[in-house]
Amino acid sequence: MSETPSPREVFLELLAGITAGRFADLAGLYAEDAVVETPFVPAGPRRIEGRAALGARFQEVAEHSPLDLTSANVVVRETDDPEVVVAEWDYRVHHRVTGRSVEAANIQVLRVRDGLIVHSRDYHDHLALVVAGDSLPQLVAALGAA
């Protein structure tokens, strides 16, 4: 019988999967009824509920993302709640279409129970990604339509 991974280990597995582009594997890190919130995403859903919806989102990213991500400066902080970790890191982002490279700061607050993510609040520097993609006009249009 294998030991249940700690919240720290689950986060590190998630980050490794993202940076390696293994998006098809990521939904398996989440509980069936997991909730992911991205309060600062400028356009798009700010809340995704359920492993199936997360799997669909990861599939969409796998099929359409022009980004190469490398993680750096990773710090995982444990809290007084044994299920919760707070992770801080930077992505070094290379946009394959525009050729631009930027650094994007990230913070994630994860609640992990029985080795699966049950809740995540994700704070990413979405504007850095917009700059990398030279897509400010598209963002402005999306915000105007909202």
N, C-alpha and C. Protein backbone atom coordinates (compact mmCIF):
# COMPACT_ATOMS: atom_id res chain seq x y z
N MET A 1 0.85 -1.18 0.00
CA MET A 1 0.00 0.00 0.00
C MET A 1 0.90 1.24 0.00
N SER A 2 0.63 2.16 -0.90
CA SER A 2 1.47 3.35 -0.98
C SER A 2 0.94 4.44 -0.06
N GLU A 3 1.85 5.28 0.36
CA GLU A 3 1.50 6.38 1.25
C GLU A 3 0.81 7.49 0.47
N THR A 4 -0.19 8.12 1.08
CA THR A 4 -0.90 9.22 0.45
C THR A 4 0.05 10.41 0.32
N PRO A 5 0.11 11.02 -0.87
CA PRO A 5 1.01 12.17 -1.02
C PRO A 5 0.55 13.37 -0.19
N SER A 6 1.51 14.12 0.29
CA SER A 6 1.23 15.32 1.07
C SER A 6 0.74 16.43 0.14
N PRO A 7 0.12 17.47 0.70
CA PRO A 7 -0.26 18.62 -0.13
C PRO A 7 0.94 19.21 -0.90
N ARG A 8 2.09 19.28 -0.25
CA ARG A 8 3.30 19.78 -0.92
C ARG A 8 3.64 18.91 -2.13
N GLU A 9 3.61 17.60 -1.94
CA GLU A 9 3.94 16.67 -3.02
C GLU A 9 2.93 16.77 -4.17
N VAL A 10 1.66 16.95 -3.83
CA VAL A 10 0.63 17.08 -4.87
C VAL A 10 0.86 18.36 -5.67
N PHE A 11 1.15 19.47 -4.98
CA PHE A 11 1.43 20.70 -5.71
C PHE A 11 2.63 20.52 -6.64
N LEU A 12 3.70 19.94 -6.14
CA LEU A 12 4.90 19.77 -6.95
C LEU A 12 4.63 18.86 -8.16
N GLU A 13 3.78 17.86 -7.98
CA GLU A 13 3.39 17.00 -9.10
C GLU A 13 2.57 17.79 -10.13
N LEU A 14 1.67 18.63 -9.64
CA LEU A 14 0.88 19.49 -10.52
C LEU A 14 1.79 20.41 -11.32
N LEU A 15 2.69 21.08 -10.66
CA LEU A 15 3.60 22.01 -11.32
C LEU A 15 4.48 21.29 -12.35
N ALA A 16 4.98 20.11 -11.98
CA ALA A 16 5.80 19.34 -12.91
C ALA A 16 5.00 18.94 -14.14
N GLY A 17 3.74 18.56 -13.94
CA GLY A 17 2.89 18.18 -15.07
C GLY A 17 2.61 19.34 -16.00
N ILE A 18 2.37 20.51 -15.41
CA ILE A 18 2.10 21.70 -16.22
C ILE A 18 3.32 22.07 -17.04
N THR A 19 4.47 22.15 -16.39
CA THR A 19 5.67 22.60 -17.11
C THR A 19 6.13 21.57 -18.14
N ALA A 20 5.80 20.30 -17.94
CA ALA A 20 6.16 19.27 -18.93
C ALA A 20 5.10 19.15 -20.02
N GLY A 21 3.99 19.88 -19.88
CA GLY A 21 2.93 19.82 -20.88
C GLY A 21 2.11 18.54 -20.81
N ARG A 22 2.11 17.87 -19.66
CA ARG A 22 1.34 16.63 -19.49
C ARG A 22 -0.08 16.95 -19.01
N PHE A 23 -0.80 17.73 -19.78
CA PHE A 23 -2.11 18.22 -19.37
C PHE A 23 -3.13 17.09 -19.22
N ALA A 24 -2.98 16.04 -19.99
CA ALA A 24 -3.93 14.92 -19.91
C ALA A 24 -3.89 14.25 -18.54
N ASP A 25 -2.78 14.36 -17.83
CA ASP A 25 -2.63 13.71 -16.52
C ASP A 25 -3.13 14.57 -15.37
N LEU A 26 -3.33 15.85 -15.59
CA LEU A 26 -3.56 16.77 -14.48
C LEU A 26 -4.89 16.59 -13.78
N ALA A 27 -5.95 16.29 -14.51
CA ALA A 27 -7.27 16.16 -13.87
C ALA A 27 -7.25 15.07 -12.81
N GLY A 28 -6.41 14.07 -12.96
CA GLY A 28 -6.31 12.99 -11.99
C GLY A 28 -5.78 13.42 -10.64
N LEU A 29 -5.22 14.63 -10.55
CA LEU A 29 -4.74 15.16 -9.28
C LEU A 29 -5.86 15.81 -8.47
N TYR A 30 -7.04 15.94 -9.07
CA TYR A 30 -8.16 16.65 -8.44
C TYR A 30 -9.24 15.68 -8.00
N ALA A 31 -9.91 16.00 -6.91
CA ALA A 31 -11.05 15.23 -6.44
C ALA A 31 -12.20 15.36 -7.44
N GLU A 32 -13.11 14.41 -7.40
CA GLU A 32 -14.26 14.41 -8.31
C GLU A 32 -15.04 15.72 -8.24
N ASP A 33 -15.18 16.28 -7.03
CA ASP A 33 -15.97 17.50 -6.83
C ASP A 33 -15.10 18.72 -6.54
N ALA A 34 -13.87 18.72 -7.05
CA ALA A 34 -12.93 19.82 -6.80
C ALA A 34 -13.46 21.14 -7.35
N VAL A 35 -13.01 22.22 -6.73
CA VAL A 35 -13.34 23.57 -7.18
C VAL A 35 -12.03 24.33 -7.37
N VAL A 36 -11.89 24.96 -8.52
CA VAL A 36 -10.73 25.81 -8.80
C VAL A 36 -11.25 27.21 -9.08
N GLU A 37 -10.72 28.17 -8.33
CA GLU A 37 -11.10 29.57 -8.50
C GLU A 37 -9.89 30.37 -8.97
N THR A 38 -10.12 31.24 -9.95
CA THR A 38 -9.08 32.15 -10.43
C THR A 38 -9.65 33.56 -10.35
N PRO A 39 -9.63 34.16 -9.16
CA PRO A 39 -10.31 35.44 -8.94
C PRO A 39 -9.83 36.59 -9.81
N PHE A 40 -8.59 36.54 -10.27
CA PHE A 40 -8.05 37.67 -11.02
C PHE A 40 -7.95 37.43 -12.51
N VAL A 41 -8.52 36.35 -13.03
CA VAL A 41 -8.48 36.14 -14.48
C VAL A 41 -9.28 37.27 -15.13
N PRO A 42 -8.69 37.98 -16.10
CA PRO A 42 -9.38 39.15 -16.64
C PRO A 42 -10.60 38.81 -17.49
N ALA A 43 -10.61 37.67 -18.15
CA ALA A 43 -11.75 37.27 -18.97
C ALA A 43 -11.82 35.75 -18.93
N GLY A 44 -13.02 35.23 -18.90
CA GLY A 44 -13.17 33.78 -18.85
C GLY A 44 -13.72 33.35 -17.51
N PRO A 45 -13.90 32.04 -17.36
CA PRO A 45 -14.50 31.55 -16.11
C PRO A 45 -13.57 31.75 -14.92
N ARG A 46 -14.13 32.22 -13.83
CA ARG A 46 -13.36 32.42 -12.60
C ARG A 46 -13.54 31.26 -11.63
N ARG A 47 -14.41 30.32 -11.98
CA ARG A 47 -14.66 29.17 -11.12
C ARG A 47 -14.94 27.97 -12.01
N ILE A 48 -14.24 26.89 -11.76
CA ILE A 48 -14.47 25.63 -12.47
C ILE A 48 -14.75 24.58 -11.41
N GLU A 49 -15.84 23.85 -11.61
CA GLU A 49 -16.25 22.85 -10.63
C GLU A 49 -16.23 21.46 -11.24
N GLY A 50 -15.58 20.54 -10.54
CA GLY A 50 -15.59 19.14 -10.93
C GLY A 50 -14.40 18.71 -11.76
N ARG A 51 -13.98 17.46 -11.51
CA ARG A 51 -12.84 16.89 -12.24
C ARG A 51 -13.10 16.86 -13.74
N ALA A 52 -14.33 16.53 -14.14
CA ALA A 52 -14.63 16.45 -15.58
C ALA A 52 -14.45 17.81 -16.25
N ALA A 53 -14.94 18.88 -15.63
CA ALA A 53 -14.80 20.22 -16.19
C ALA A 53 -13.33 20.64 -16.22
N LEU A 54 -12.59 20.28 -15.18
CA LEU A 54 -11.16 20.59 -15.16
C LEU A 54 -10.43 19.82 -16.25
N GLY A 55 -10.81 18.56 -16.45
CA GLY A 55 -10.20 17.77 -17.51
C GLY A 55 -10.44 18.39 -18.87
N ALA A 56 -11.66 18.88 -19.09
CA ALA A 56 -11.98 19.55 -20.36
C ALA A 56 -11.15 20.82 -20.52
N ARG A 57 -10.98 21.56 -19.44
CA ARG A 57 -10.18 22.79 -19.49
C ARG A 57 -8.72 22.47 -19.79
N PHE A 58 -8.17 21.45 -19.12
CA PHE A 58 -6.79 21.05 -19.39
C PHE A 58 -6.63 20.57 -20.83
N GLN A 59 -7.62 19.88 -21.36
CA GLN A 59 -7.57 19.42 -22.75
C GLN A 59 -7.54 20.61 -23.71
N GLU A 60 -8.36 21.62 -23.41
CA GLU A 60 -8.37 22.83 -24.23
C GLU A 60 -7.00 23.52 -24.21
N VAL A 61 -6.40 23.60 -23.05
CA VAL A 61 -5.08 24.21 -22.94
C VAL A 61 -4.06 23.39 -23.73
N ALA A 62 -4.13 22.08 -23.61
CA ALA A 62 -3.19 21.21 -24.33
C ALA A 62 -3.28 21.41 -25.83
N GLU A 63 -4.51 21.60 -26.32
CA GLU A 63 -4.72 21.72 -27.76
C GLU A 63 -4.40 23.11 -28.31
N HIS A 64 -4.51 24.15 -27.48
CA HIS A 64 -4.45 25.50 -28.03
C HIS A 64 -3.37 26.41 -27.45
N SER A 65 -2.74 26.02 -26.37
CA SER A 65 -1.78 26.94 -25.75
C SER A 65 -0.48 27.02 -26.53
N PRO A 66 -0.06 28.23 -26.88
CA PRO A 66 1.22 28.41 -27.57
C PRO A 66 2.37 28.70 -26.59
N LEU A 67 2.19 28.36 -25.32
CA LEU A 67 3.16 28.73 -24.30
C LEU A 67 4.05 27.58 -23.89
N ASP A 68 5.32 27.88 -23.72
CA ASP A 68 6.25 26.98 -23.06
C ASP A 68 6.51 27.59 -21.69
N LEU A 69 6.33 26.80 -20.64
CA LEU A 69 6.46 27.29 -19.27
C LEU A 69 7.58 26.56 -18.55
N THR A 70 8.40 27.33 -17.86
CA THR A 70 9.43 26.79 -16.99
C THR A 70 9.22 27.41 -15.63
N SER A 71 9.20 26.60 -14.60
CA SER A 71 9.01 27.16 -13.26
C SER A 71 10.35 27.54 -12.64
N ALA A 72 10.30 28.57 -11.80
CA ALA A 72 11.49 29.07 -11.11
C ALA A 72 11.06 29.65 -9.77
N ASN A 73 11.99 29.74 -8.87
CA ASN A 73 11.77 30.40 -7.57
C ASN A 73 10.59 29.80 -6.81
N VAL A 74 10.46 28.49 -6.84
CA VAL A 74 9.33 27.80 -6.23
C VAL A 74 9.52 27.74 -4.71
N VAL A 75 8.49 28.22 -4.00
CA VAL A 75 8.46 28.14 -2.54
C VAL A 75 7.09 27.59 -2.16
N VAL A 76 7.07 26.52 -1.36
CA VAL A 76 5.82 25.95 -0.88
C VAL A 76 5.79 26.12 0.62
N ARG A 77 4.77 26.80 1.10
CA ARG A 77 4.63 27.08 2.54
C ARG A 77 3.50 26.24 3.12
N GLU A 78 3.83 25.57 4.20
CA GLU A 78 2.79 24.84 4.91
C GLU A 78 2.10 25.78 5.87
N THR A 79 0.87 25.46 6.20
CA THR A 79 0.06 26.33 7.06
C THR A 79 -0.32 25.59 8.33
N ASP A 80 -1.06 26.25 9.20
CA ASP A 80 -1.50 25.58 10.42
C ASP A 80 -2.62 24.58 10.14
N ASP A 81 -3.13 24.55 8.91
CA ASP A 81 -4.09 23.55 8.48
C ASP A 81 -3.31 22.50 7.67
N PRO A 82 -3.25 21.26 8.13
CA PRO A 82 -2.41 20.26 7.44
C PRO A 82 -2.86 19.93 6.02
N GLU A 83 -4.06 20.34 5.62
CA GLU A 83 -4.53 20.10 4.26
C GLU A 83 -4.14 21.22 3.29
N VAL A 84 -3.66 22.35 3.81
CA VAL A 84 -3.47 23.55 2.99
C VAL A 84 -2.00 23.91 2.86
N VAL A 85 -1.61 24.19 1.60
CA VAL A 85 -0.29 24.77 1.32
C VAL A 85 -0.50 26.02 0.47
N VAL A 86 0.45 26.92 0.59
CA VAL A 86 0.48 28.12 -0.24
C VAL A 86 1.78 28.05 -1.04
N ALA A 87 1.64 28.06 -2.35
CA ALA A 87 2.81 27.95 -3.23
C ALA A 87 3.01 29.28 -3.96
N GLU A 88 4.27 29.68 -4.03
CA GLU A 88 4.65 30.87 -4.78
C GLU A 88 5.72 30.45 -5.78
N TRP A 89 5.61 30.93 -7.00
CA TRP A 89 6.62 30.62 -8.00
C TRP A 89 6.47 31.57 -9.18
N ASP A 90 7.46 31.53 -10.02
CA ASP A 90 7.43 32.29 -11.27
C ASP A 90 7.41 31.30 -12.42
N TYR A 91 6.71 31.68 -13.47
CA TYR A 91 6.83 30.97 -14.74
C TYR A 91 7.71 31.82 -15.63
N ARG A 92 8.68 31.20 -16.24
CA ARG A 92 9.39 31.82 -17.36
C ARG A 92 8.62 31.34 -18.58
N VAL A 93 8.03 32.28 -19.26
CA VAL A 93 7.08 31.99 -20.33
C VAL A 93 7.70 32.34 -21.68
N HIS A 94 7.62 31.40 -22.60
CA HIS A 94 8.01 31.68 -23.98
C HIS A 94 6.78 31.43 -24.84
N HIS A 95 6.39 32.43 -25.62
CA HIS A 95 5.25 32.32 -26.52
C HIS A 95 5.77 31.88 -27.88
N ARG A 96 5.38 30.69 -28.31
CA ARG A 96 5.92 30.11 -29.55
C ARG A 96 5.50 30.88 -30.80
N VAL A 97 4.40 31.59 -30.77
CA VAL A 97 3.93 32.31 -31.96
C VAL A 97 4.60 33.68 -32.07
N THR A 98 4.58 34.45 -30.97
CA THR A 98 5.14 35.80 -31.02
C THR A 98 6.66 35.82 -30.81
N GLY A 99 7.17 34.76 -30.21
CA GLY A 99 8.59 34.71 -29.88
C GLY A 99 8.94 35.47 -28.61
N ARG A 100 7.95 36.10 -27.99
CA ARG A 100 8.20 36.88 -26.78
C ARG A 100 8.40 35.96 -25.57
N SER A 101 9.23 36.46 -24.65
CA SER A 101 9.44 35.77 -23.38
C SER A 101 9.18 36.75 -22.25
N VAL A 102 8.49 36.30 -21.23
CA VAL A 102 8.18 37.11 -20.06
C VAL A 102 8.29 36.23 -18.82
N GLU A 103 8.26 36.88 -17.68
CA GLU A 103 8.18 36.16 -16.41
C GLU A 103 6.85 36.50 -15.78
N ALA A 104 6.16 35.49 -15.27
CA ALA A 104 4.84 35.68 -14.68
C ALA A 104 4.83 35.11 -13.26
N ALA A 105 4.44 35.95 -12.30
CA ALA A 105 4.37 35.54 -10.90
C ALA A 105 3.07 34.77 -10.64
N ASN A 106 3.13 33.85 -9.69
CA ASN A 106 1.98 33.00 -9.37
C ASN A 106 1.92 32.72 -7.88
N ILE A 107 0.69 32.62 -7.38
CA ILE A 107 0.45 32.13 -6.02
C ILE A 107 -0.74 31.19 -6.12
N GLN A 108 -0.65 30.07 -5.43
CA GLN A 108 -1.75 29.12 -5.41
C GLN A 108 -1.97 28.68 -3.97
N VAL A 109 -3.22 28.68 -3.56
CA VAL A 109 -3.60 28.17 -2.25
C VAL A 109 -4.36 26.88 -2.50
N LEU A 110 -3.77 25.76 -2.08
CA LEU A 110 -4.34 24.45 -2.36
C LEU A 110 -4.81 23.77 -1.09
N ARG A 111 -5.99 23.18 -1.16
CA ARG A 111 -6.47 22.28 -0.11
C ARG A 111 -6.45 20.87 -0.71
N VAL A 112 -5.68 20.00 -0.08
CA VAL A 112 -5.50 18.64 -0.56
C VAL A 112 -5.99 17.68 0.53
N ARG A 113 -6.89 16.79 0.13
CA ARG A 113 -7.44 15.82 1.08
C ARG A 113 -7.30 14.43 0.46
N ASP A 114 -6.75 13.51 1.21
CA ASP A 114 -6.55 12.13 0.73
C ASP A 114 -5.77 12.09 -0.58
N GLY A 115 -4.80 13.00 -0.72
CA GLY A 115 -3.93 13.01 -1.88
C GLY A 115 -4.50 13.65 -3.12
N LEU A 116 -5.70 14.27 -3.01
CA LEU A 116 -6.31 14.92 -4.16
C LEU A 116 -6.65 16.37 -3.84
N ILE A 117 -6.52 17.24 -4.84
CA ILE A 117 -6.86 18.65 -4.66
C ILE A 117 -8.38 18.76 -4.60
N VAL A 118 -8.88 19.34 -3.51
CA VAL A 118 -10.32 19.55 -3.37
C VAL A 118 -10.71 21.00 -3.63
N HIS A 119 -9.75 21.91 -3.42
CA HIS A 119 -10.02 23.32 -3.66
C HIS A 119 -8.72 24.03 -3.96
N SER A 120 -8.78 24.94 -4.90
CA SER A 120 -7.60 25.72 -5.28
C SER A 120 -8.03 27.14 -5.60
N ARG A 121 -7.28 28.09 -5.07
CA ARG A 121 -7.44 29.50 -5.45
C ARG A 121 -6.13 29.88 -6.12
N ASP A 122 -6.22 30.24 -7.40
CA ASP A 122 -5.05 30.46 -8.23
C ASP A 122 -4.93 31.93 -8.59
N TYR A 123 -3.79 32.50 -8.30
CA TYR A 123 -3.51 33.91 -8.59
C TYR A 123 -2.31 33.95 -9.53
N HIS A 124 -2.58 34.19 -10.79
CA HIS A 124 -1.53 34.21 -11.82
C HIS A 124 -1.45 35.60 -12.43
N ASP A 125 -0.28 35.94 -12.92
CA ASP A 125 -0.08 37.21 -13.61
C ASP A 125 -0.57 37.07 -15.05
N HIS A 126 -1.88 37.14 -15.21
CA HIS A 126 -2.50 36.96 -16.52
C HIS A 126 -2.07 38.03 -17.51
N LEU A 127 -1.81 39.23 -17.03
CA LEU A 127 -1.41 40.31 -17.94
C LEU A 127 -0.05 40.04 -18.57
N ALA A 128 0.83 39.38 -17.85
CA ALA A 128 2.12 39.01 -18.45
C ALA A 128 1.90 38.05 -19.62
N LEU A 129 0.92 37.15 -19.48
CA LEU A 129 0.62 36.21 -20.56
C LEU A 129 0.00 36.94 -21.75
N VAL A 130 -0.81 37.95 -21.48
CA VAL A 130 -1.39 38.77 -22.55
C VAL A 130 -0.28 39.48 -23.31
N VAL A 131 0.68 40.03 -22.58
CA VAL A 131 1.82 40.72 -23.21
C VAL A 131 2.62 39.74 -24.05
N ALA A 132 2.87 38.55 -23.51
CA ALA A 132 3.65 37.56 -24.27
C ALA A 132 2.98 37.22 -25.59
N GLY A 133 1.65 37.15 -25.56
CA GLY A 133 0.90 36.79 -26.75
C GLY A 133 0.55 37.96 -27.63
N ASP A 134 0.97 39.15 -27.23
CA ASP A 134 0.64 40.37 -27.99
C ASP A 134 -0.87 40.43 -28.24
N SER A 135 -1.64 40.11 -27.19
CA SER A 135 -3.09 39.98 -27.36
C SER A 135 -3.89 40.98 -26.51
N LEU A 136 -3.32 42.14 -26.26
CA LEU A 136 -4.05 43.16 -25.52
C LEU A 136 -5.34 43.57 -26.24
N PRO A 137 -5.34 43.75 -27.57
CA PRO A 137 -6.60 44.11 -28.24
C PRO A 137 -7.70 43.06 -28.03
N GLN A 138 -7.34 41.78 -28.04
CA GLN A 138 -8.33 40.72 -27.82
C GLN A 138 -8.86 40.76 -26.40
N LEU A 139 -7.99 41.06 -25.44
CA LEU A 139 -8.43 41.16 -24.05
C LEU A 139 -9.39 42.33 -23.87
N VAL A 140 -9.04 43.46 -24.45
CA VAL A 140 -9.92 44.65 -24.35
C VAL A 140 -11.28 44.33 -24.98
N ALA A 141 -11.30 43.67 -26.12
CA ALA A 141 -12.55 43.30 -26.76
C ALA A 141 -13.36 42.35 -25.89
N ALA A 142 -12.70 41.38 -25.28
CA ALA A 142 -13.39 40.42 -24.41
C ALA A 142 -13.97 41.12 -23.18
N LEU A 143 -13.23 42.07 -22.63
CA LEU A 143 -13.72 42.81 -21.46
C LEU A 143 -14.89 43.70 -21.85
N GLY A 144 -14.84 44.28 -23.03
CA GLY A 144 -15.93 45.13 -23.50
C GLY A 144 -17.20 44.34 -23.76
N ALA A 145 -17.05 43.07 -24.14
CA ALA A 145 -18.22 42.22 -24.43
C ALA A 145 -18.83 41.65 -23.16
N ALA A 146 -18.07 41.67 -22.08
CA ALA A 146 -18.54 41.04 -20.84
C ALA A 146 -19.58 41.87 -20.13
